Amino acid sequence: MDILYLMILCSVSVAAVFLVIFIISARRGQFEDDESPAVRMLFDDEVKEDQEEQQAPDPDKNNKKDKEKEKDNQLYGNTKVQL
């Protein structure tokens, strides 16, 4: 019966430690980030393109697309899917 009291005391102690760690993390703002960096990374290119268009509109959009395609080809190689 003594071991049961010891195990209950240990489990309550561990739970209290985790509760204190959670409260400290919440106060420091650990959980205030609504969108994780992984999700923001997906939308990063769209924001940059919008900012670039607002600063200096490019009349030759085809040239810009060609540069993007060249950059993709350099990074990933010239891969084409054939059906």
Foldseek 3Di string as FASTA:
>chain_A
DVVVVVVVVVVVVVVVVVVVVVVVCVVVPVPVDPDDPVVVVVCVVVVVVVVVCVVPNDPCVVVVVVVVVVVCCVVPNPDDDDD
